[in-house]
């Protein structure tokens, strides 16, 4: 079974996959299985999104990630700021 780190290190990340991966790492200890269970989604769906952002399932996983953040008072602004900083460092 893959964990979130193994999955996302393979390819350059876009914002959707990066945010989902950060949520997985910070709030689910890198466990795709646990995150999929909490989100009510099949494990394979979460893994596919982390492997290739441009999947149809990406929006469903991202939506569940946003709902999780809202329900748990996790700031999306902070996550997006981190992504922006990461992008600036790469320029």
N, C-alpha and C. Protein backbone atom coordinates (compact mmCIF):
# COMPACT_ATOMS: atom_id res chain seq x y z
N UNK A 1 0.83 -1.19 0.00
CA UNK A 1 0.00 0.00 0.00
C UNK A 1 0.88 1.25 0.00
N UNK A 2 0.49 2.23 -0.73
CA UNK A 2 1.23 3.48 -0.84
C UNK A 2 0.82 4.42 0.27
N UNK A 3 1.76 5.31 0.65
CA UNK A 3 1.35 6.40 1.51
C UNK A 3 1.39 7.67 0.68
N UNK A 4 0.91 8.75 1.22
CA UNK A 4 0.80 9.97 0.44
C UNK A 4 2.15 10.48 -0.05
N UNK A 5 3.19 10.35 0.74
CA UNK A 5 4.49 10.84 0.34
C UNK A 5 5.01 10.08 -0.87
N UNK A 6 4.91 8.77 -0.84
CA UNK A 6 5.39 7.96 -1.97
C UNK A 6 4.67 8.33 -3.25
N UNK A 7 3.41 8.60 -3.14
CA UNK A 7 2.59 8.87 -4.32
C UNK A 7 2.94 10.21 -4.93
N UNK A 8 3.07 11.25 -4.13
CA UNK A 8 3.25 12.59 -4.70
C UNK A 8 4.69 12.91 -5.04
N UNK A 9 5.66 12.17 -4.55
CA UNK A 9 7.04 12.46 -4.89
C UNK A 9 7.36 12.09 -6.33
N UNK A 10 6.52 11.30 -6.97
CA UNK A 10 6.77 10.83 -8.33
C UNK A 10 6.67 11.92 -9.38
N UNK A 11 5.80 12.89 -9.17
CA UNK A 11 5.51 13.87 -10.21
C UNK A 11 5.46 15.27 -9.61
N UNK A 12 5.67 16.25 -10.46
CA UNK A 12 5.51 17.64 -10.03
C UNK A 12 4.06 17.85 -9.62
N UNK A 13 3.87 18.59 -8.55
CA UNK A 13 2.53 18.76 -8.03
C UNK A 13 1.87 20.05 -8.51
N UNK A 14 0.59 19.96 -8.76
CA UNK A 14 -0.23 21.13 -8.99
C UNK A 14 -0.89 21.49 -7.66
N UNK A 15 -1.62 22.58 -7.64
CA UNK A 15 -2.20 23.06 -6.39
C UNK A 15 -3.20 22.06 -5.78
N UNK A 16 -4.03 21.46 -6.58
CA UNK A 16 -5.04 20.54 -6.05
C UNK A 16 -4.37 19.37 -5.35
N UNK A 17 -3.47 18.73 -6.02
CA UNK A 17 -2.79 17.57 -5.43
C UNK A 17 -1.93 17.99 -4.25
N UNK A 18 -1.29 19.15 -4.34
CA UNK A 18 -0.45 19.62 -3.25
C UNK A 18 -1.28 19.82 -1.98
N UNK A 19 -2.44 20.48 -2.11
CA UNK A 19 -3.30 20.72 -0.95
C UNK A 19 -3.77 19.40 -0.35
N UNK A 20 -4.21 18.48 -1.19
CA UNK A 20 -4.67 17.18 -0.69
C UNK A 20 -3.53 16.45 0.02
N UNK A 21 -2.34 16.50 -0.56
CA UNK A 21 -1.19 15.85 0.06
C UNK A 21 -0.85 16.50 1.41
N UNK A 22 -0.90 17.82 1.48
CA UNK A 22 -0.60 18.50 2.74
C UNK A 22 -1.59 18.10 3.83
N UNK A 23 -2.85 18.01 3.46
CA UNK A 23 -3.87 17.59 4.43
C UNK A 23 -3.59 16.16 4.88
N UNK A 24 -3.24 15.30 3.94
CA UNK A 24 -2.92 13.92 4.27
C UNK A 24 -1.72 13.85 5.22
N UNK A 25 -0.68 14.59 4.90
CA UNK A 25 0.54 14.55 5.73
C UNK A 25 0.30 15.13 7.12
N UNK A 26 -0.35 16.28 7.20
CA UNK A 26 -0.48 17.00 8.46
C UNK A 26 -1.58 16.44 9.37
N UNK A 27 -2.65 15.95 8.79
CA UNK A 27 -3.81 15.58 9.61
C UNK A 27 -4.13 14.09 9.60
N UNK A 28 -3.46 13.34 8.74
CA UNK A 28 -3.68 11.90 8.68
C UNK A 28 -2.38 11.12 8.73
N UNK A 29 -1.31 11.76 9.22
CA UNK A 29 0.01 11.13 9.37
C UNK A 29 0.46 10.41 8.10
N UNK A 30 0.10 10.96 6.95
CA UNK A 30 0.53 10.39 5.67
C UNK A 30 -0.23 9.15 5.23
N UNK A 31 -1.30 8.84 5.93
CA UNK A 31 -2.07 7.63 5.61
C UNK A 31 -3.20 7.92 4.62
N UNK A 32 -3.00 7.49 3.37
CA UNK A 32 -4.07 7.63 2.38
C UNK A 32 -5.30 6.84 2.80
N UNK A 33 -5.06 5.68 3.40
CA UNK A 33 -6.16 4.82 3.83
C UNK A 33 -7.05 5.53 4.85
N UNK A 34 -6.44 6.14 5.86
CA UNK A 34 -7.21 6.84 6.88
C UNK A 34 -7.96 8.03 6.28
N UNK A 35 -7.27 8.79 5.43
CA UNK A 35 -7.91 9.95 4.82
C UNK A 35 -9.09 9.51 3.96
N UNK A 36 -8.92 8.49 3.15
CA UNK A 36 -10.00 7.99 2.31
C UNK A 36 -11.19 7.55 3.17
N UNK A 37 -10.90 6.90 4.28
CA UNK A 37 -11.97 6.44 5.17
C UNK A 37 -12.75 7.61 5.75
N UNK A 38 -12.04 8.62 6.24
CA UNK A 38 -12.70 9.79 6.82
C UNK A 38 -13.49 10.54 5.75
N UNK A 39 -12.95 10.62 4.54
CA UNK A 39 -13.63 11.32 3.45
C UNK A 39 -14.77 10.51 2.86
N UNK A 40 -14.86 9.22 3.21
CA UNK A 40 -15.92 8.37 2.67
C UNK A 40 -15.70 8.03 1.20
N UNK A 41 -14.42 7.94 0.80
CA UNK A 41 -14.07 7.66 -0.58
C UNK A 41 -13.24 6.39 -0.65
N UNK A 42 -13.29 5.68 -1.78
CA UNK A 42 -12.45 4.50 -1.93
C UNK A 42 -10.96 4.88 -1.90
N UNK A 43 -10.15 4.04 -1.30
CA UNK A 43 -8.71 4.27 -1.21
C UNK A 43 -8.11 4.49 -2.59
N UNK A 44 -8.50 3.69 -3.56
CA UNK A 44 -7.96 3.81 -4.91
C UNK A 44 -8.23 5.18 -5.52
N UNK A 45 -9.35 5.77 -5.19
CA UNK A 45 -9.68 7.10 -5.71
C UNK A 45 -8.70 8.13 -5.19
N UNK A 46 -8.44 8.10 -3.90
CA UNK A 46 -7.50 9.05 -3.31
C UNK A 46 -6.10 8.84 -3.88
N UNK A 47 -5.69 7.60 -3.99
CA UNK A 47 -4.36 7.31 -4.54
C UNK A 47 -4.23 7.79 -5.98
N UNK A 48 -5.28 7.58 -6.79
CA UNK A 48 -5.23 8.03 -8.19
C UNK A 48 -5.09 9.55 -8.28
N UNK A 49 -5.79 10.26 -7.43
CA UNK A 49 -5.72 11.72 -7.45
C UNK A 49 -4.32 12.18 -7.05
N UNK A 50 -3.72 11.52 -6.09
CA UNK A 50 -2.38 11.90 -5.66
C UNK A 50 -1.32 11.53 -6.70
N UNK A 51 -1.62 10.56 -7.53
CA UNK A 51 -0.69 10.16 -8.58
C UNK A 51 -0.82 11.03 -9.83
N UNK A 52 -2.03 11.42 -10.16
CA UNK A 52 -2.28 12.20 -11.38
C UNK A 52 -3.43 13.16 -11.12
N UNK A 53 -3.09 14.41 -10.92
CA UNK A 53 -4.09 15.41 -10.54
C UNK A 53 -5.26 15.51 -11.51
N UNK A 54 -5.01 15.33 -12.76
CA UNK A 54 -6.06 15.55 -13.76
C UNK A 54 -6.90 14.29 -13.94
N UNK A 55 -7.53 13.89 -12.87
CA UNK A 55 -8.47 12.78 -12.93
C UNK A 55 -9.85 13.34 -12.61
N UNK A 56 -10.86 12.63 -13.05
CA UNK A 56 -12.23 13.06 -12.75
C UNK A 56 -12.49 13.07 -11.25
N UNK A 57 -11.83 12.16 -10.54
CA UNK A 57 -12.04 12.04 -9.10
C UNK A 57 -11.40 13.17 -8.32
N UNK A 58 -10.51 13.93 -8.96
CA UNK A 58 -9.80 15.00 -8.27
C UNK A 58 -10.73 15.99 -7.61
N UNK A 59 -11.77 16.37 -8.28
CA UNK A 59 -12.71 17.34 -7.72
C UNK A 59 -13.43 16.75 -6.51
N UNK A 60 -13.80 15.49 -6.56
CA UNK A 60 -14.50 14.85 -5.44
C UNK A 60 -13.59 14.78 -4.21
N UNK A 61 -12.33 14.43 -4.41
CA UNK A 61 -11.40 14.36 -3.29
C UNK A 61 -11.14 15.76 -2.74
N UNK A 62 -10.94 16.72 -3.62
CA UNK A 62 -10.70 18.09 -3.19
C UNK A 62 -11.91 18.63 -2.40
N UNK A 63 -13.11 18.33 -2.87
CA UNK A 63 -14.31 18.77 -2.16
C UNK A 63 -14.36 18.19 -0.75
N UNK A 64 -14.05 16.92 -0.62
CA UNK A 64 -14.05 16.29 0.70
C UNK A 64 -12.95 16.89 1.58
N UNK A 65 -11.81 17.20 0.97
CA UNK A 65 -10.72 17.82 1.72
C UNK A 65 -11.16 19.20 2.24
N UNK A 66 -11.86 19.96 1.41
CA UNK A 66 -12.34 21.28 1.85
C UNK A 66 -13.37 21.14 2.97
N UNK A 67 -14.26 20.20 2.84
CA UNK A 67 -15.26 19.96 3.89
C UNK A 67 -14.58 19.58 5.19
N UNK A 68 -13.55 18.73 5.09
CA UNK A 68 -12.81 18.32 6.28
C UNK A 68 -12.15 19.54 6.93
N UNK A 69 -11.53 20.37 6.12
CA UNK A 69 -10.88 21.57 6.65
C UNK A 69 -11.88 22.50 7.34
N UNK A 70 -13.02 22.71 6.71
CA UNK A 70 -14.03 23.59 7.31
C UNK A 70 -14.55 23.01 8.62
N UNK A 71 -14.84 21.72 8.65
CA UNK A 71 -15.37 21.08 9.84
C UNK A 71 -14.36 21.06 10.99
N UNK A 72 -13.07 21.09 10.65
CA UNK A 72 -12.03 21.00 11.67
C UNK A 72 -11.27 22.31 11.86
N UNK A 73 -11.83 23.39 11.33
CA UNK A 73 -11.27 24.74 11.50
C UNK A 73 -9.81 24.82 11.04
N UNK A 74 -9.53 24.22 9.90
CA UNK A 74 -8.21 24.25 9.30
C UNK A 74 -8.21 25.36 8.25
N UNK A 75 -7.27 26.26 8.36
CA UNK A 75 -7.23 27.42 7.47
C UNK A 75 -6.74 27.07 6.07
N UNK A 76 -7.60 27.24 5.11
CA UNK A 76 -7.19 27.07 3.71
C UNK A 76 -6.26 28.20 3.29
N UNK A 77 -6.43 29.37 3.87
CA UNK A 77 -5.54 30.49 3.56
C UNK A 77 -4.09 30.12 3.87
N UNK A 78 -3.88 29.47 5.02
CA UNK A 78 -2.52 29.05 5.38
C UNK A 78 -1.97 28.04 4.39
N UNK A 79 -2.79 27.06 4.00
CA UNK A 79 -2.34 26.06 3.04
C UNK A 79 -2.00 26.70 1.69
N UNK A 80 -2.86 27.60 1.25
CA UNK A 80 -2.62 28.26 -0.04
C UNK A 80 -1.39 29.18 0.01
N UNK A 81 -1.18 29.82 1.14
CA UNK A 81 0.01 30.66 1.31
C UNK A 81 1.28 29.79 1.25
N UNK A 82 1.22 28.62 1.87
CA UNK A 82 2.36 27.69 1.82
C UNK A 82 2.64 27.26 0.39
N UNK A 83 1.59 26.98 -0.36
CA UNK A 83 1.76 26.59 -1.76
C UNK A 83 2.40 27.73 -2.54
N UNK A 84 1.91 28.94 -2.32
CA UNK A 84 2.46 30.10 -3.02
C UNK A 84 3.94 30.28 -2.69
N UNK A 85 4.30 30.11 -1.42
CA UNK A 85 5.70 30.23 -1.02
C UNK A 85 6.55 29.15 -1.68
N UNK A 86 6.01 27.95 -1.77
CA UNK A 86 6.72 26.84 -2.40
C UNK A 86 6.95 27.16 -3.88
N UNK A 87 5.95 27.72 -4.53
CA UNK A 87 6.09 28.08 -5.94
C UNK A 87 7.11 29.19 -6.12
N UNK A 88 7.12 30.17 -5.22
CA UNK A 88 8.08 31.28 -5.31
C UNK A 88 9.51 30.79 -5.14
N UNK A 89 9.71 29.83 -4.26
CA UNK A 89 11.05 29.27 -4.03
C UNK A 89 11.55 28.54 -5.28
N UNK A 90 10.63 27.96 -6.04
CA UNK A 90 11.01 27.19 -7.21
C UNK A 90 11.32 28.04 -8.44
N UNK A 91 11.05 29.31 -8.39
CA UNK A 91 11.25 30.19 -9.56
C UNK A 91 12.68 30.58 -9.73
